Full PDB file with SEQRES, HELIX, SHEET, SSBOND, CRYST1, ORIGX, SCALE, CONECT and MASTER records, all heavy atoms in Angstrom:
SEQRES   1 A   38  VAL SER ASN SER ASP VAL TYR PHE THR TYR LYS HIS LEU          
SEQRES   2 A   38  LEU ALA ASP VAL SER PHE PRO SER LYS VAL LEU ASN GLN          
SEQRES   3 A   38  PRO ARG SER SER SER ALA LEU LEU PHE TYR TRP GLY              
HELIX    1 AA1 VAL A    6  PHE A    8  1                                   3    
HELIX    2 AA2 THR A    9  LEU A   13  3                                   5    
HELIX    3 AA3 SER A   21  LEU A   24  1                                   4    
CRYST1    1.000    1.000    1.000  90.00  90.00  90.00 P 1           1          
ORIGX1      1.000000  0.000000  0.000000        0.00000                         
ORIGX2      0.000000  1.000000  0.000000        0.00000                         
ORIGX3      0.000000  0.000000  1.000000        0.00000                         
SCALE1      1.000000  0.000000  0.000000        0.00000                         
SCALE2      0.000000  1.000000  0.000000        0.00000                         
SCALE3      0.000000  0.000000  1.000000        0.00000                         
ATOM      1  N   VAL A   1       0.868  -1.170   0.006  1.00  0.00           N  
ATOM      2  CA  VAL A   1      -0.019   0.000  -0.019  1.00  0.00           C  
ATOM      3  C   VAL A   1       0.864   1.247   0.009  1.00  0.00           C  
ATOM      4  O   VAL A   1       1.653   1.459   0.940  1.00  0.00           O  
ATOM      5  CB  VAL A   1      -0.940   0.025   1.233  1.00  0.00           C  
ATOM      6  CG1 VAL A   1      -1.868   1.274   1.168  1.00  0.00           C  
ATOM      7  CG2 VAL A   1      -1.780  -1.263   1.313  1.00  0.00           C  
ATOM      8  N   SER A   2       0.854   1.974  -1.068  1.00  0.00           N  
ATOM      9  CA  SER A   2       1.638   3.176  -1.142  1.00  0.00           C  
ATOM     10  C   SER A   2       0.917   4.445  -0.661  1.00  0.00           C  
ATOM     11  O   SER A   2      -0.063   4.828  -1.179  1.00  0.00           O  
ATOM     12  CB  SER A   2       2.162   3.492  -2.536  1.00  0.00           C  
ATOM     13  OG  SER A   2       2.987   4.619  -2.617  1.00  0.00           O  
ATOM     14  N   ASN A   3       1.534   5.056   0.423  1.00  0.00           N  
ATOM     15  CA  ASN A   3       1.067   6.332   0.960  1.00  0.00           C  
ATOM     16  C   ASN A   3       1.928   7.430   0.446  1.00  0.00           C  
ATOM     17  O   ASN A   3       1.737   8.608   0.779  1.00  0.00           O  
ATOM     18  CB  ASN A   3       1.076   6.255   2.459  1.00  0.00           C  
ATOM     19  CG  ASN A   3       0.393   7.514   3.100  1.00  0.00           C  
ATOM     20  OD1 ASN A   3       0.776   7.875   4.224  1.00  0.00           O  
ATOM     21  ND2 ASN A   3      -0.548   8.112   2.456  1.00  0.00           N  
ATOM     22  N   SER A   4       2.849   7.080  -0.489  1.00  0.00           N  
ATOM     23  CA  SER A   4       3.629   8.102  -1.075  1.00  0.00           C  
ATOM     24  C   SER A   4       2.817   8.745  -2.202  1.00  0.00           C  
ATOM     25  O   SER A   4       1.875   8.222  -2.762  1.00  0.00           O  
ATOM     26  CB  SER A   4       4.861   7.455  -1.686  1.00  0.00           C  
ATOM     27  OG  SER A   4       5.721   8.391  -2.368  1.00  0.00           O  
ATOM     28  N   ASP A   5       3.172   9.958  -2.575  1.00  0.00           N  
ATOM     29  CA  ASP A   5       2.483  10.617  -3.709  1.00  0.00           C  
ATOM     30  C   ASP A   5       2.496   9.670  -4.965  1.00  0.00           C  
ATOM     31  O   ASP A   5       3.469   9.076  -5.228  1.00  0.00           O  
ATOM     32  CB  ASP A   5       3.216  11.900  -4.058  1.00  0.00           C  
ATOM     33  CG  ASP A   5       2.546  12.783  -5.153  1.00  0.00           C  
ATOM     34  OD1 ASP A   5       2.448  12.240  -6.276  1.00  0.00           O  
ATOM     35  OD2 ASP A   5       2.076  13.864  -4.779  1.00  0.00           O  
ATOM     36  N   VAL A   6       1.319   9.538  -5.569  1.00  0.00           N  
ATOM     37  CA  VAL A   6       1.158   8.452  -6.564  1.00  0.00           C  
ATOM     38  C   VAL A   6       2.113   8.760  -7.795  1.00  0.00           C  
ATOM     39  O   VAL A   6       2.610   7.818  -8.371  1.00  0.00           O  
ATOM     40  CB  VAL A   6      -0.343   8.333  -6.983  1.00  0.00           C  
ATOM     41  CG1 VAL A   6      -0.746   9.555  -7.753  1.00  0.00           C  
ATOM     42  CG2 VAL A   6      -0.493   7.094  -7.785  1.00  0.00           C  
ATOM     43  N   TYR A   7       2.362  10.002  -8.040  1.00  0.00           N  
ATOM     44  CA  TYR A   7       3.281  10.332  -9.131  1.00  0.00           C  
ATOM     45  C   TYR A   7       4.692   9.802  -8.828  1.00  0.00           C  
ATOM     46  O   TYR A   7       5.301   9.137  -9.686  1.00  0.00           O  
ATOM     47  CB  TYR A   7       3.343  11.871  -9.328  1.00  0.00           C  
ATOM     48  CG  TYR A   7       4.169  12.266 -10.522  1.00  0.00           C  
ATOM     49  CD1 TYR A   7       3.622  12.521 -11.716  1.00  0.00           C  
ATOM     50  CD2 TYR A   7       5.578  12.419 -10.390  1.00  0.00           C  
ATOM     51  CE1 TYR A   7       4.360  12.870 -12.836  1.00  0.00           C  
ATOM     52  CE2 TYR A   7       6.333  12.789 -11.516  1.00  0.00           C  
ATOM     53  CZ  TYR A   7       5.696  13.071 -12.671  1.00  0.00           C  
ATOM     54  OH  TYR A   7       6.451  13.386 -13.767  1.00  0.00           O  
ATOM     55  N   PHE A   8       5.156  10.066  -7.631  1.00  0.00           N  
ATOM     56  CA  PHE A   8       6.516   9.565  -7.296  1.00  0.00           C  
ATOM     57  C   PHE A   8       6.516   8.039  -7.119  1.00  0.00           C  
ATOM     58  O   PHE A   8       7.588   7.409  -7.364  1.00  0.00           O  
ATOM     59  CB  PHE A   8       6.991  10.262  -5.942  1.00  0.00           C  
ATOM     60  CG  PHE A   8       7.444  11.607  -6.193  1.00  0.00           C  
ATOM     61  CD1 PHE A   8       6.777  12.724  -5.565  1.00  0.00           C  
ATOM     62  CD2 PHE A   8       8.550  11.911  -6.968  1.00  0.00           C  
ATOM     63  CE1 PHE A   8       7.240  14.026  -5.796  1.00  0.00           C  
ATOM     64  CE2 PHE A   8       8.969  13.258  -7.154  1.00  0.00           C  
ATOM     65  CZ  PHE A   8       8.295  14.327  -6.574  1.00  0.00           C  
ATOM     66  N   THR A   9       5.425   7.477  -6.727  1.00  0.00           N  
ATOM     67  CA  THR A   9       5.336   6.013  -6.668  1.00  0.00           C  
ATOM     68  C   THR A   9       5.641   5.391  -8.025  1.00  0.00           C  
ATOM     69  O   THR A   9       6.434   4.426  -8.146  1.00  0.00           O  
ATOM     70  CB  THR A   9       3.945   5.569  -6.168  1.00  0.00           C  
ATOM     71  OG1 THR A   9       3.730   6.134  -4.887  1.00  0.00           O  
ATOM     72  CG2 THR A   9       3.943   4.025  -6.043  1.00  0.00           C  
ATOM     73  N   TYR A  10       5.036   5.939  -9.070  1.00  0.00           N  
ATOM     74  CA  TYR A  10       5.326   5.331 -10.408  1.00  0.00           C  
ATOM     75  C   TYR A  10       6.621   5.732 -10.878  1.00  0.00           C  
ATOM     76  O   TYR A  10       7.387   4.970 -11.459  1.00  0.00           O  
ATOM     77  CB  TYR A  10       4.235   5.916 -11.396  1.00  0.00           C  
ATOM     78  CG  TYR A  10       2.965   5.117 -11.368  1.00  0.00           C  
ATOM     79  CD1 TYR A  10       1.837   5.518 -10.592  1.00  0.00           C  
ATOM     80  CD2 TYR A  10       2.862   3.923 -12.078  1.00  0.00           C  
ATOM     81  CE1 TYR A  10       0.690   4.781 -10.566  1.00  0.00           C  
ATOM     82  CE2 TYR A  10       1.686   3.158 -12.028  1.00  0.00           C  
ATOM     83  CZ  TYR A  10       0.575   3.676 -11.315  1.00  0.00           C  
ATOM     84  OH  TYR A  10      -0.567   2.901 -11.267  1.00  0.00           O  
ATOM     85  N   LYS A  11       7.037   6.999 -10.643  1.00  0.00           N  
ATOM     86  CA  LYS A  11       8.265   7.569 -11.234  1.00  0.00           C  
ATOM     87  C   LYS A  11       9.533   6.829 -10.609  1.00  0.00           C  
ATOM     88  O   LYS A  11      10.484   6.539 -11.404  1.00  0.00           O  
ATOM     89  CB  LYS A  11       8.410   9.059 -10.874  1.00  0.00           C  
ATOM     90  CG  LYS A  11       9.462   9.793 -11.667  1.00  0.00           C  
ATOM     91  CD  LYS A  11       9.047  10.027 -13.091  1.00  0.00           C  
ATOM     92  CE  LYS A  11      10.043  10.843 -13.855  1.00  0.00           C  
ATOM     93  NZ  LYS A  11       9.756  10.955 -15.261  1.00  0.00           N  
ATOM     94  N   HIS A  12       9.488   6.519  -9.335  1.00  0.00           N  
ATOM     95  CA  HIS A  12      10.689   6.065  -8.662  1.00  0.00           C  
ATOM     96  C   HIS A  12      10.567   4.542  -8.203  1.00  0.00           C  
ATOM     97  O   HIS A  12      11.551   3.849  -8.135  1.00  0.00           O  
ATOM     98  CB  HIS A  12      11.073   6.912  -7.448  1.00  0.00           C  
ATOM     99  CG  HIS A  12      11.300   8.337  -7.812  1.00  0.00           C  
ATOM    100  ND1 HIS A  12      12.264   8.742  -8.703  1.00  0.00           N  
ATOM    101  CD2 HIS A  12      10.656   9.502  -7.402  1.00  0.00           C  
ATOM    102  CE1 HIS A  12      12.313  10.030  -8.781  1.00  0.00           C  
ATOM    103  NE2 HIS A  12      11.301  10.542  -8.023  1.00  0.00           N  
ATOM    104  N   LEU A  13       9.350   4.188  -7.826  1.00  0.00           N  
ATOM    105  CA  LEU A  13       9.224   2.779  -7.300  1.00  0.00           C  
ATOM    106  C   LEU A  13       8.725   1.777  -8.232  1.00  0.00           C  
ATOM    107  O   LEU A  13       8.807   0.601  -8.093  1.00  0.00           O  
ATOM    108  CB  LEU A  13       8.329   2.825  -6.053  1.00  0.00           C  
ATOM    109  CG  LEU A  13       8.639   3.880  -4.984  1.00  0.00           C  
ATOM    110  CD1 LEU A  13       7.668   3.774  -3.782  1.00  0.00           C  
ATOM    111  CD2 LEU A  13      10.106   3.696  -4.506  1.00  0.00           C  
ATOM    112  N   LEU A  14       8.112   2.272  -9.332  1.00  0.00           N  
ATOM    113  CA  LEU A  14       7.560   1.406 -10.377  1.00  0.00           C  
ATOM    114  C   LEU A  14       8.075   1.856 -11.758  1.00  0.00           C  
ATOM    115  O   LEU A  14       7.272   1.948 -12.696  1.00  0.00           O  
ATOM    116  CB  LEU A  14       6.064   1.450 -10.276  1.00  0.00           C  
ATOM    117  CG  LEU A  14       5.376   0.897  -9.094  1.00  0.00           C  
ATOM    118  CD1 LEU A  14       3.896   1.282  -9.062  1.00  0.00           C  
ATOM    119  CD2 LEU A  14       5.429  -0.679  -9.149  1.00  0.00           C  
ATOM    120  N   ALA A  15       9.361   2.052 -11.820  1.00  0.00           N  
ATOM    121  CA  ALA A  15       9.921   2.551 -13.094  1.00  0.00           C  
ATOM    122  C   ALA A  15       9.691   1.586 -14.326  1.00  0.00           C  
ATOM    123  O   ALA A  15       9.760   2.038 -15.443  1.00  0.00           O  
ATOM    124  CB  ALA A  15      11.417   2.839 -12.925  1.00  0.00           C  
ATOM    125  N   ASP A  16       9.484   0.289 -13.997  1.00  0.00           N  
ATOM    126  CA  ASP A  16       9.285  -0.660 -15.032  1.00  0.00           C  
ATOM    127  C   ASP A  16       7.813  -0.796 -15.476  1.00  0.00           C  
ATOM    128  O   ASP A  16       7.503  -1.693 -16.266  1.00  0.00           O  
ATOM    129  CB  ASP A  16       9.863  -2.037 -14.624  1.00  0.00           C  
ATOM    130  CG  ASP A  16       9.223  -2.542 -13.341  1.00  0.00           C  
ATOM    131  OD1 ASP A  16       8.626  -1.733 -12.599  1.00  0.00           O  
ATOM    132  OD2 ASP A  16       9.332  -3.724 -13.081  1.00  0.00           O  
ATOM    133  N   VAL A  17       6.944   0.026 -14.837  1.00  0.00           N  
ATOM    134  CA  VAL A  17       5.458  -0.054 -15.201  1.00  0.00           C  
ATOM    135  C   VAL A  17       5.114   1.200 -15.964  1.00  0.00           C  
ATOM    136  O   VAL A  17       5.561   2.290 -15.710  1.00  0.00           O  
ATOM    137  CB  VAL A  17       4.623  -0.117 -13.897  1.00  0.00           C  
ATOM    138  CG1 VAL A  17       3.193  -0.024 -14.187  1.00  0.00           C  
ATOM    139  CG2 VAL A  17       4.999  -1.322 -13.095  1.00  0.00           C  
ATOM    140  N   SER A  18       4.348   0.923 -17.047  1.00  0.00           N  
ATOM    141  CA  SER A  18       3.949   2.066 -17.861  1.00  0.00           C  
ATOM    142  C   SER A  18       3.195   3.184 -17.060  1.00  0.00           C  
ATOM    143  O   SER A  18       2.379   2.897 -16.199  1.00  0.00           O  
ATOM    144  CB  SER A  18       3.054   1.653 -19.046  1.00  0.00           C  
ATOM    145  OG  SER A  18       1.837   1.019 -18.528  1.00  0.00           O  
ATOM    146  N   PHE A  19       3.594   4.418 -17.324  1.00  0.00           N  
ATOM    147  CA  PHE A  19       3.094   5.565 -16.571  1.00  0.00           C  
ATOM    148  C   PHE A  19       1.653   5.874 -17.012  1.00  0.00           C  
ATOM    149  O   PHE A  19       1.443   6.101 -18.153  1.00  0.00           O  
ATOM    150  CB  PHE A  19       4.025   6.751 -16.863  1.00  0.00           C  
ATOM    151  CG  PHE A  19       3.961   7.898 -15.901  1.00  0.00           C  
ATOM    152  CD1 PHE A  19       4.549   7.849 -14.651  1.00  0.00           C  
ATOM    153  CD2 PHE A  19       3.239   8.976 -16.192  1.00  0.00           C  
ATOM    154  CE1 PHE A  19       4.528   8.915 -13.782  1.00  0.00           C  
ATOM    155  CE2 PHE A  19       3.162  10.067 -15.368  1.00  0.00           C  
ATOM    156  CZ  PHE A  19       3.775  10.045 -14.122  1.00  0.00           C  
ATOM    157  N   PRO A  20       0.664   5.945 -16.078  1.00  0.00           N  
ATOM    158  CA  PRO A  20      -0.700   6.271 -16.420  1.00  0.00           C  
ATOM    159  C   PRO A  20      -0.817   7.768 -16.673  1.00  0.00           C  
ATOM    160  O   PRO A  20      -1.361   8.512 -15.863  1.00  0.00           O  
ATOM    161  CB  PRO A  20      -1.478   5.750 -15.235  1.00  0.00           C  
ATOM    162  CG  PRO A  20      -0.569   5.908 -14.146  1.00  0.00           C  
ATOM    163  CD  PRO A  20       0.810   5.573 -14.637  1.00  0.00           C  
ATOM    164  N   SER A  21      -0.303   8.196 -17.807  1.00  0.00           N  
ATOM    165  CA  SER A  21      -0.132   9.679 -18.134  1.00  0.00           C  
ATOM    166  C   SER A  21      -1.449  10.384 -18.096  1.00  0.00           C  
ATOM    167  O   SER A  21      -1.584  11.556 -17.673  1.00  0.00           O  
ATOM    168  CB  SER A  21       0.541   9.860 -19.439  1.00  0.00           C  
ATOM    169  OG  SER A  21      -0.110   9.243 -20.500  1.00  0.00           O  
ATOM    170  N   LYS A  22      -2.521   9.743 -18.567  1.00  0.00           N  
ATOM    171  CA  LYS A  22      -3.799  10.476 -18.646  1.00  0.00           C  
ATOM    172  C   LYS A  22      -4.296  10.891 -17.212  1.00  0.00           C  
ATOM    173  O   LYS A  22      -4.837  11.945 -17.057  1.00  0.00           O  
ATOM    174  CB  LYS A  22      -4.906   9.585 -19.278  1.00  0.00           C  
ATOM    175  CG  LYS A  22      -6.236  10.236 -19.483  1.00  0.00           C  
ATOM    176  CD  LYS A  22      -7.207   9.287 -20.125  1.00  0.00           C  
ATOM    177  CE  LYS A  22      -8.572  10.003 -20.373  1.00  0.00           C  
ATOM    178  NZ  LYS A  22      -9.544   9.102 -21.021  1.00  0.00           N  
ATOM    179  N   VAL A  23      -4.007  10.047 -16.233  1.00  0.00           N  
ATOM    180  CA  VAL A  23      -4.367  10.300 -14.878  1.00  0.00           C  
ATOM    181  C   VAL A  23      -3.365  11.279 -14.188  1.00  0.00           C  
ATOM    182  O   VAL A  23      -3.737  12.261 -13.581  1.00  0.00           O  
ATOM    183  CB  VAL A  23      -4.479   9.033 -14.062  1.00  0.00           C  
ATOM    184  CG1 VAL A  23      -4.768   9.332 -12.615  1.00  0.00           C  
ATOM    185  CG2 VAL A  23      -5.603   8.130 -14.650  1.00  0.00           C  
ATOM    186  N   LEU A  24      -2.076  10.955 -14.329  1.00  0.00           N  
ATOM    187  CA  LEU A  24      -1.043  11.644 -13.604  1.00  0.00           C  
ATOM    188  C   LEU A  24      -0.647  13.000 -14.156  1.00  0.00           C  
ATOM    189  O   LEU A  24       0.017  13.759 -13.540  1.00  0.00           O  
ATOM    190  CB  LEU A  24       0.162  10.752 -13.395  1.00  0.00           C  
ATOM    191  CG  LEU A  24      -0.141   9.463 -12.547  1.00  0.00           C  
ATOM    192  CD1 LEU A  24       1.104   8.729 -12.363  1.00  0.00           C  
ATOM    193  CD2 LEU A  24      -0.775   9.763 -11.249  1.00  0.00           C  
ATOM    194  N   ASN A  25      -1.088  13.239 -15.415  1.00  0.00           N  
ATOM    195  CA  ASN A  25      -0.717  14.502 -16.009  1.00  0.00           C  
ATOM    196  C   ASN A  25      -1.915  15.525 -15.930  1.00  0.00           C  
ATOM    197  O   ASN A  25      -1.867  16.517 -16.620  1.00  0.00           O  
ATOM    198  CB  ASN A  25      -0.260  14.395 -17.478  1.00  0.00           C  
ATOM    199  CG  ASN A  25       1.107  13.744 -17.578  1.00  0.00           C  
ATOM    200  OD1 ASN A  25       1.918  13.897 -16.613  1.00  0.00           O  
ATOM    201  ND2 ASN A  25       1.342  13.029 -18.602  1.00  0.00           N  
ATOM    202  N   GLN A  26      -2.878  15.278 -15.114  1.00  0.00           N  
ATOM    203  CA  GLN A  26      -3.923  16.158 -14.862  1.00  0.00           C  
ATOM    204  C   GLN A  26      -3.415  17.454 -14.246  1.00  0.00           C  
ATOM    205  O   GLN A  26      -2.315  17.437 -13.630  1.00  0.00           O  
ATOM    206  CB  GLN A  26      -5.005  15.552 -14.006  1.00  0.00           C  
ATOM    207  CG  GLN A  26      -5.806  14.444 -14.565  1.00  0.00           C  
ATOM    208  CD  GLN A  26      -6.619  14.846 -15.782  1.00  0.00           C  
ATOM    209  OE1 GLN A  26      -7.402  15.804 -15.734  1.00  0.00           O  
ATOM    210  NE2 GLN A  26      -6.403  14.239 -16.901  1.00  0.00           N  
ATOM    211  N   PRO A  27      -4.067  18.553 -14.451  1.00  0.00           N  
ATOM    212  CA  PRO A  27      -3.612  19.905 -13.784  1.00  0.00           C  
ATOM    213  C   PRO A  27      -3.347  19.666 -12.303  1.00  0.00           C  
ATOM    214  O   PRO A  27      -4.137  19.039 -11.563  1.00  0.00           O  
ATOM    215  CB  PRO A  27      -4.687  20.833 -14.027  1.00  0.00           C  
ATOM    216  CG  PRO A  27      -5.413  20.303 -15.336  1.00  0.00           C  
ATOM    217  CD  PRO A  27      -5.278  18.784 -15.181  1.00  0.00           C  
ATOM    218  N   ARG A  28      -2.235  20.233 -11.771  1.00  0.00           N  
ATOM    219  CA  ARG A  28      -1.935  20.036 -10.320  1.00  0.00           C  
ATOM    220  C   ARG A  28      -2.700  21.046  -9.487  1.00  0.00           C  
ATOM    221  O   ARG A  28      -3.200  22.072  -9.943  1.00  0.00           O  
ATOM    222  CB  ARG A  28      -0.429  20.265 -10.248  1.00  0.00           C  
ATOM    223  CG  ARG A  28       0.473  19.494 -11.122  1.00  0.00           C  
ATOM    224  CD  ARG A  28       0.253  17.993 -10.947  1.00  0.00           C  
ATOM    225  NE  ARG A  28       0.589  17.508  -9.641  1.00  0.00           N  
ATOM    226  CZ  ARG A  28       0.390  16.187  -9.244  1.00  0.00           C  
ATOM    227  NH1 ARG A  28      -0.064  15.350 -10.125  1.00  0.00           N  
ATOM    228  NH2 ARG A  28       0.739  15.826  -8.031  1.00  0.00           N  
ATOM    229  N   SER A  29      -2.797  20.609  -8.260  1.00  0.00           N  
ATOM    230  CA  SER A  29      -3.398  21.594  -7.232  1.00  0.00           C  
ATOM    231  C   SER A  29      -2.521  22.652  -6.929  1.00  0.00           C  
ATOM    232  O   SER A  29      -1.340  22.696  -7.339  1.00  0.00           O  
ATOM    233  CB  SER A  29      -3.774  20.767  -5.973  1.00  0.00           C  
ATOM    234  OG  SER A  29      -2.610  20.555  -5.190  1.00  0.00           O  
ATOM    235  N   SER A  30      -3.010  23.653  -6.167  1.00  0.00           N  
ATOM    236  CA  SER A  30      -2.114  24.666  -5.621  1.00  0.00           C  
ATOM    237  C   SER A  30      -1.155  24.192  -4.621  1.00  0.00           C  
ATOM    238  O   SER A  30      -1.310  23.081  -4.086  1.00  0.00           O  
ATOM    239  CB  SER A  30      -3.000  25.814  -5.050  1.00  0.00           C  
ATOM    240  OG  SER A  30      -3.803  25.305  -3.996  1.00  0.00           O  
ATOM    241  N   SER A  31      -0.256  25.048  -4.287  1.00  0.00           N  
ATOM    242  CA  SER A  31       0.755  24.769  -3.183  1.00  0.00           C  
ATOM    243  C   SER A  31       0.557  25.855  -2.150  1.00  0.00           C  
ATOM    244  O   SER A  31      -0.525  26.466  -2.091  1.00  0.00           O  
ATOM    245  CB  SER A  31       2.154  24.758  -3.744  1.00  0.00           C  
ATOM    246  OG  SER A  31       3.090  24.286  -2.740  1.00  0.00           O  
ATOM    247  N   ALA A  32       1.629  26.212  -1.409  1.00  0.00           N  
ATOM    248  CA  ALA A  32       1.474  27.259  -0.391  1.00  0.00           C  
ATOM    249  C   ALA A  32       2.848  27.814  -0.062  1.00  0.00           C  
ATOM    250  O   ALA A  32       3.867  27.177  -0.316  1.00  0.00           O  
ATOM    251  CB  ALA A  32       0.885  26.624   0.845  1.00  0.00           C  
ATOM    252  N   LEU A  33       2.782  29.042   0.457  1.00  0.00           N  
ATOM    253  CA  LEU A  33       3.912  29.651   1.109  1.00  0.00           C  
ATOM    254  C   LEU A  33       3.587  29.709   2.566  1.00  0.00           C  
ATOM    255  O   LEU A  33       2.488  30.250   2.979  1.00  0.00           O  
ATOM    256  CB  LEU A  33       4.181  31.057   0.585  1.00  0.00           C  
ATOM    257  CG  LEU A  33       4.520  31.154  -0.906  1.00  0.00           C  
ATOM    258  CD1 LEU A  33       4.834  32.605  -1.277  1.00  0.00           C  
ATOM    259  CD2 LEU A  33       5.764  30.308  -1.326  1.00  0.00           C  
ATOM    260  N   LEU A  34       4.497  29.175   3.443  1.00  0.00           N  
ATOM    261  CA  LEU A  34       4.185  29.101   4.884  1.00  0.00           C  
ATOM    262  C   LEU A  34       5.198  29.871   5.679  1.00  0.00           C  
ATOM    263  O   LEU A  34       6.360  29.837   5.435  1.00  0.00           O  
ATOM    264  CB  LEU A  34       4.148  27.679   5.321  1.00  0.00           C  
ATOM    265  CG  LEU A  34       3.170  26.687   4.610  1.00  0.00           C  
ATOM    266  CD1 LEU A  34       3.448  25.272   5.005  1.00  0.00           C  
ATOM    267  CD2 LEU A  34       1.790  27.099   5.018  1.00  0.00           C  
ATOM    268  N   PHE A  35       4.694  30.628   6.639  1.00  0.00           N  
ATOM    269  CA  PHE A  35       5.592  31.329   7.617  1.00  0.00           C  
ATOM    270  C   PHE A  35       5.154  30.927   9.017  1.00  0.00           C  
ATOM    271  O   PHE A  35       4.035  31.068   9.403  1.00  0.00           O  
ATOM    272  CB  PHE A  35       5.388  32.805   7.475  1.00  0.00           C  
ATOM    273  CG  PHE A  35       5.707  33.307   6.057  1.00  0.00           C  
ATOM    274  CD1 PHE A  35       4.860  33.287   4.993  1.00  0.00           C  
ATOM    275  CD2 PHE A  35       7.006  33.842   5.874  1.00  0.00           C  
ATOM    276  CE1 PHE A  35       5.141  33.742   3.759  1.00  0.00           C  
ATOM    277  CE2 PHE A  35       7.335  34.336   4.558  1.00  0.00           C  
ATOM    278  CZ  PHE A  35       6.396  34.247   3.535  1.00  0.00           C  
ATOM    279  N   TYR A  36       6.111  30.343   9.753  1.00  0.00           N  
ATOM    280  CA  TYR A  36       5.794  29.983  11.138  1.00  0.00           C  
ATOM    281  C   TYR A  36       6.509  31.102  12.016  1.00  0.00           C  
ATOM    282  O   TYR A  36       7.697  31.228  12.025  1.00  0.00           O  
ATOM    283  CB  TYR A  36       6.491  28.643  11.511  1.00  0.00           C  
ATOM    284  CG  TYR A  36       6.120  27.482  10.515  1.00  0.00           C  
ATOM    285  CD1 TYR A  36       6.965  27.203   9.434  1.00  0.00           C  
ATOM    286  CD2 TYR A  36       4.956  26.782  10.740  1.00  0.00           C  
ATOM    287  CE1 TYR A  36       6.589  26.137   8.639  1.00  0.00           C  
ATOM    288  CE2 TYR A  36       4.598  25.749   9.906  1.00  0.00           C  
ATOM    289  CZ  TYR A  36       5.365  25.439   8.799  1.00  0.00           C  
ATOM    290  OH  TYR A  36       5.104  24.421   7.991  1.00  0.00           O  
ATOM    291  N   TRP A  37       5.614  31.913  12.515  1.00  0.00           N  
ATOM    292  CA  TRP A  37       6.062  33.081  13.298  1.00  0.00           C  
ATOM    293  C   TRP A  37       5.810  33.033  14.776  1.00  0.00           C  
ATOM    294  O   TRP A  37       4.643  32.760  15.197  1.00  0.00           O  
ATOM    295  CB  TRP A  37       5.356  34.387  12.792  1.00  0.00           C  
ATOM    296  CG  TRP A  37       5.818  34.862  11.429  1.00  0.00           C  
ATOM    297  CD1 TRP A  37       6.954  34.506  10.781  1.00  0.00           C  
ATOM    298  CD2 TRP A  37       5.167  35.794  10.603  1.00  0.00           C  
ATOM    299  NE1 TRP A  37       7.046  35.174   9.566  1.00  0.00           N  
ATOM    300  CE2 TRP A  37       5.958  35.959   9.401  1.00  0.00           C  
ATOM    301  CE3 TRP A  37       3.966  36.515  10.703  1.00  0.00           C  
ATOM    302  CZ2 TRP A  37       5.611  36.817   8.407  1.00  0.00           C  
ATOM    303  CZ3 TRP A  37       3.647  37.359   9.650  1.00  0.00           C  
ATOM    304  CH2 TRP A  37       4.410  37.502   8.478  1.00  0.00           C  
ATOM    305  N   GLY A  38       6.839  33.218  15.575  1.00  0.00           N  
ATOM    306  CA  GLY A  38       6.645  33.390  16.995  1.00  0.00           C  
ATOM    307  C   GLY A  38       6.416  34.880  17.304  1.00  0.00           C  
ATOM    308  O   GLY A  38       7.247  35.702  16.939  1.00  0.00           O  
TER     309      GLY A  38                                                      
MASTER        0    0    0    3    0    0    0    6  308    1    0    3          
END                                                                             
């Protein structure tokens, strides 16, 4: 059971398996800029 990002699971752990590009090349979600302030 892979709890790693599914993209990296295929890219690094399943390099011998064809990449499901239709699924994994969908537009990515947003990210964030984080500031931890005391």
